[in-house]
Structure formats: C-alpha cells, structure tokens
Amino acid sequence: MLNSLFLKMGISDKLAGDISLFLVLIAISLMFGMFVGRFRLANILINIYIALAILTAIPNSFLSFSSNANLLLFLLILIALTILGDSLFDIHIPSSGSGFFGRLVVMSFLEVGLIFSIVISMLPHDKLLEYFSQNMYQYFASSYAMIFWMAAPLLFLFFINKKSK
C-alpha cells in the first residue's frame, strides 16, 4: 500500500520499498516503546547483548538442524531473558541471610571463570597446551564449556535473587 503510494509520486521502486520499510520500522518502534515502557527498554537492550553472546558461544554443530536455527535460538533466548528480566536483573547479590559470603564467592568464581573462558578461547590452542593440560583446556574453552560459562552466572543470579524475595 505504502509502496504503491510512493510509486505514484514518481519515486523509484527500490527507494519506495526502502521508504516503506523505514516507516513500518518507525511505527513498530513506537508501538514497542509504548508497550514495553521506558524502564524496561534498557533491560531488553541488555537482553539482546546477552542473547547474542550466548548464541556466539554455542557451536555451529548444535545449530545445523535448520538454516534459521541461529535466528530462532536468538529470539528464544531473548524472549526467555525478557520474561525472566524482572527477577534476573534486579542485579545485586542479596546480603541478607547467613550465606552472603558463599553467594559472593560463587558469583565471583563464575565471573572469573567466564572471563578466563573467553580469554583462553581467543588464544591459539596449540600455544595454550604448552601451559595447560588438554583436560583443563576442555573445561574452559570447549564448546560445551563456553555454553556453561556463559549461562552459569546468569542462572546463579536468577536463583539467588528469586530465593531472597
């Protein structure tokens, strides 16, 4: 409909399609902003980055079942994080109760493990094996390990925040 209107105005077919798409995106953006609200927009932005980060940690062999598996999984992760957002991103480690130190230690370990996993996965495999055993490398840089180290801190935050409420 918009496309034909622009064509009648003498705008080329490709430009008319681009303008139509741009106007549709603006309309969807306005509706999305009204629906979500200004306070949750930042959380959704964080969720997008997290979903993308988790997706990049998943090996391609897991996603070979469909040509659109990356997109499907990204959207599923994004939706799940958005649904869990209220309890996941009330970001703090609860200080009430006797287990505060334990929660702090576990969360610190998971974050350091994630950082270490990211760093060694970016370094050459053969060079690292001069300093680490193959098993240690597998615990931090294998495909399965990357999934674990990406997801574990998020899951831990979710469960400790849910438990403390």
Protein backbone atom coordinates (compact mmCIF):
# COMPACT_ATOMS: atom_id res chain seq x y z
CA MET A 1 0.00 0.00 0.00
CA LEU A 2 2.70 2.49 1.01
CA ASN A 3 4.88 1.24 -1.79
CA SER A 4 2.21 1.95 -4.44
CA LEU A 5 1.62 5.41 -2.97
CA PHE A 6 5.31 6.26 -3.33
CA LEU A 7 5.38 4.81 -6.86
CA LYS A 8 2.50 7.12 -7.84
CA MET A 9 4.60 10.04 -6.51
CA GLY A 10 7.31 9.15 -9.04
CA ILE A 11 9.77 7.55 -6.60
CA SER A 12 11.68 4.55 -7.95
CA ASP A 13 10.56 1.05 -6.98
CA LYS A 14 13.61 0.30 -4.78
CA LEU A 15 13.50 3.63 -3.00
CA ALA A 16 9.75 3.30 -2.45
CA GLY A 17 10.30 -0.11 -0.84
CA ASP A 18 13.08 1.28 1.36
CA ILE A 19 10.95 4.22 2.50
CA SER A 20 8.01 1.91 3.21
CA LEU A 21 10.19 -0.41 5.28
CA PHE A 22 11.65 2.56 7.18
CA LEU A 23 8.16 3.88 8.00
CA VAL A 24 6.97 0.43 9.12
CA LEU A 25 10.03 0.12 11.38
CA ILE A 26 9.29 3.52 12.90
CA ALA A 27 5.67 2.51 13.56
CA ILE A 28 6.71 -0.81 15.11
CA SER A 29 9.32 1.02 17.22
CA LEU A 30 6.72 3.44 18.55
CA MET A 31 4.30 0.63 19.40
CA PHE A 32 7.09 -1.39 21.01
CA GLY A 33 8.21 1.58 23.10
CA MET A 34 4.66 2.25 24.27
CA PHE A 35 4.06 -1.42 25.06
CA VAL A 36 7.32 -2.06 26.88
CA GLY A 37 7.78 1.27 28.59
CA ARG A 38 10.88 3.31 29.17
CA PHE A 39 12.06 1.41 32.24
CA ARG A 40 12.21 -1.98 30.53
CA LEU A 41 13.84 -0.78 27.33
CA ALA A 42 17.27 -0.80 28.98
CA ASN A 43 16.70 -4.33 30.26
CA ILE A 44 15.71 -5.51 26.80
CA LEU A 45 18.84 -3.93 25.35
CA ILE A 46 20.93 -5.85 27.88
CA ASN A 47 18.96 -8.99 27.00
CA ILE A 48 19.82 -8.52 23.33
CA TYR A 49 23.53 -8.39 24.11
CA ILE A 50 23.29 -11.40 26.40
CA ALA A 51 21.32 -13.42 23.85
CA LEU A 52 23.86 -12.60 21.18
CA ALA A 53 26.74 -13.51 23.48
CA ILE A 54 25.16 -16.85 24.39
CA LEU A 55 24.43 -17.56 20.72
CA THR A 56 28.06 -16.99 19.75
CA ALA A 57 29.17 -19.46 22.41
CA ILE A 58 27.00 -22.25 21.01
CA PRO A 59 28.85 -24.43 18.50
CA ASN A 60 27.63 -24.40 14.90
CA SER A 61 27.09 -28.15 15.04
CA PHE A 62 24.24 -27.59 17.53
CA LEU A 63 22.56 -25.25 15.08
CA SER A 64 22.94 -27.30 11.92
CA PHE A 65 19.37 -28.67 12.07
CA SER A 66 17.99 -25.62 10.25
CA SER A 67 19.24 -22.72 8.20
CA ASN A 68 17.31 -20.39 10.53
CA ALA A 69 18.40 -22.05 13.77
CA ASN A 70 20.60 -19.08 14.78
CA LEU A 71 17.70 -16.68 14.41
CA LEU A 72 15.24 -18.97 16.18
CA LEU A 73 17.56 -19.60 19.10
CA PHE A 74 18.44 -15.90 19.39
CA LEU A 75 14.76 -14.99 19.57
CA LEU A 76 14.00 -17.75 22.08
CA ILE A 77 16.85 -16.67 24.35
CA LEU A 78 15.82 -13.02 24.04
CA ILE A 79 12.20 -13.82 24.90
CA ALA A 80 13.22 -16.02 27.84
CA LEU A 81 15.55 -13.36 29.23
CA THR A 82 12.86 -10.70 28.83
CA ILE A 83 10.28 -12.82 30.63
CA LEU A 84 12.76 -13.56 33.43
CA GLY A 85 14.06 -9.98 33.36
CA ASP A 86 12.29 -8.73 36.46
CA SER A 87 13.86 -11.37 38.64
CA LEU A 88 17.12 -11.68 36.70
CA PHE A 89 18.08 -8.02 36.51
CA ASP A 90 17.27 -6.89 39.98
CA ILE A 91 21.02 -7.02 39.95
CA HIS A 92 22.59 -7.36 43.32
CA ILE A 93 23.80 -10.17 45.49
CA PRO A 94 21.44 -10.25 48.45
CA SER A 95 23.25 -9.50 51.69
CA SER A 96 20.57 -10.87 53.96
CA GLY A 97 20.97 -14.29 55.50
CA SER A 98 23.95 -16.26 56.61
CA GLY A 99 25.07 -17.34 53.13
CA PHE A 100 26.13 -13.92 51.83
CA PHE A 101 29.83 -14.78 51.74
CA GLY A 102 29.14 -18.06 49.98
CA ARG A 103 26.98 -16.37 47.34
CA LEU A 104 29.68 -13.77 46.85
CA VAL A 105 32.37 -16.40 46.40
CA VAL A 106 30.30 -18.48 43.97
CA MET A 107 29.35 -15.45 41.88
CA SER A 108 32.97 -14.25 41.83
CA PHE A 109 34.13 -17.70 40.75
CA LEU A 110 31.57 -17.86 37.96
CA GLU A 111 32.52 -14.42 36.67
CA VAL A 112 36.25 -15.12 36.77
CA GLY A 113 35.60 -18.48 35.09
CA LEU A 114 33.65 -16.72 32.35
CA ILE A 115 36.39 -14.16 31.79
CA PHE A 116 39.06 -16.87 31.77
CA SER A 117 37.00 -18.98 29.38
CA ILE A 118 36.57 -16.07 26.97
CA VAL A 119 40.25 -15.16 27.10
CA ILE A 120 41.63 -18.66 26.51
CA SER A 121 39.10 -19.38 23.78
CA MET A 122 40.57 -16.43 21.89
CA LEU A 123 44.16 -17.62 22.20
CA PRO A 124 45.80 -20.23 19.93
CA HIS A 125 45.01 -23.77 21.05
CA ASP A 126 48.49 -25.19 20.46
CA LYS A 127 50.18 -22.36 22.39
CA LEU A 128 47.87 -22.82 25.38
CA LEU A 129 48.59 -26.54 25.53
CA GLU A 130 52.19 -25.65 26.38
CA TYR A 131 50.90 -24.25 29.69
CA PHE A 132 47.64 -26.15 30.32
CA SER A 133 46.60 -29.77 30.04
CA GLN A 134 44.11 -30.82 27.39
CA ASN A 135 41.57 -31.53 30.14
CA MET A 136 41.93 -28.05 31.63
CA TYR A 137 41.53 -26.56 28.17
CA GLN A 138 38.35 -28.61 27.67
CA TYR A 139 36.92 -27.37 31.00
CA PHE A 140 37.19 -23.76 29.90
CA ALA A 141 37.37 -23.47 26.12
CA SER A 142 35.46 -26.38 24.60
CA SER A 143 32.09 -25.71 23.01
CA TYR A 144 30.25 -27.21 25.97
CA ALA A 145 32.38 -25.26 28.44
CA MET A 146 31.64 -21.99 26.66
CA ILE A 147 27.91 -22.67 26.97
CA PHE A 148 28.32 -23.43 30.67
CA TRP A 149 30.46 -20.38 31.45
CA MET A 150 28.12 -18.07 29.54
CA ALA A 151 24.94 -19.39 31.19
CA ALA A 152 26.03 -20.25 34.74
CA PRO A 153 26.41 -16.68 36.11
CA LEU A 154 23.02 -15.71 34.72
CA LEU A 155 21.34 -18.77 36.18
CA PHE A 156 23.04 -18.21 39.52
CA LEU A 157 21.85 -14.58 39.63
CA PHE A 158 18.34 -15.69 38.77
CA PHE A 159 18.19 -18.32 41.51
CA ILE A 160 19.77 -16.27 44.31
CA ASN A 161 17.56 -13.28 43.59
CA LYS A 162 14.42 -15.46 43.40
CA LYS A 163 15.34 -17.20 46.67
CA SER A 164 15.88 -13.92 48.53
CA LYS A 165 12.50 -12.39 47.55
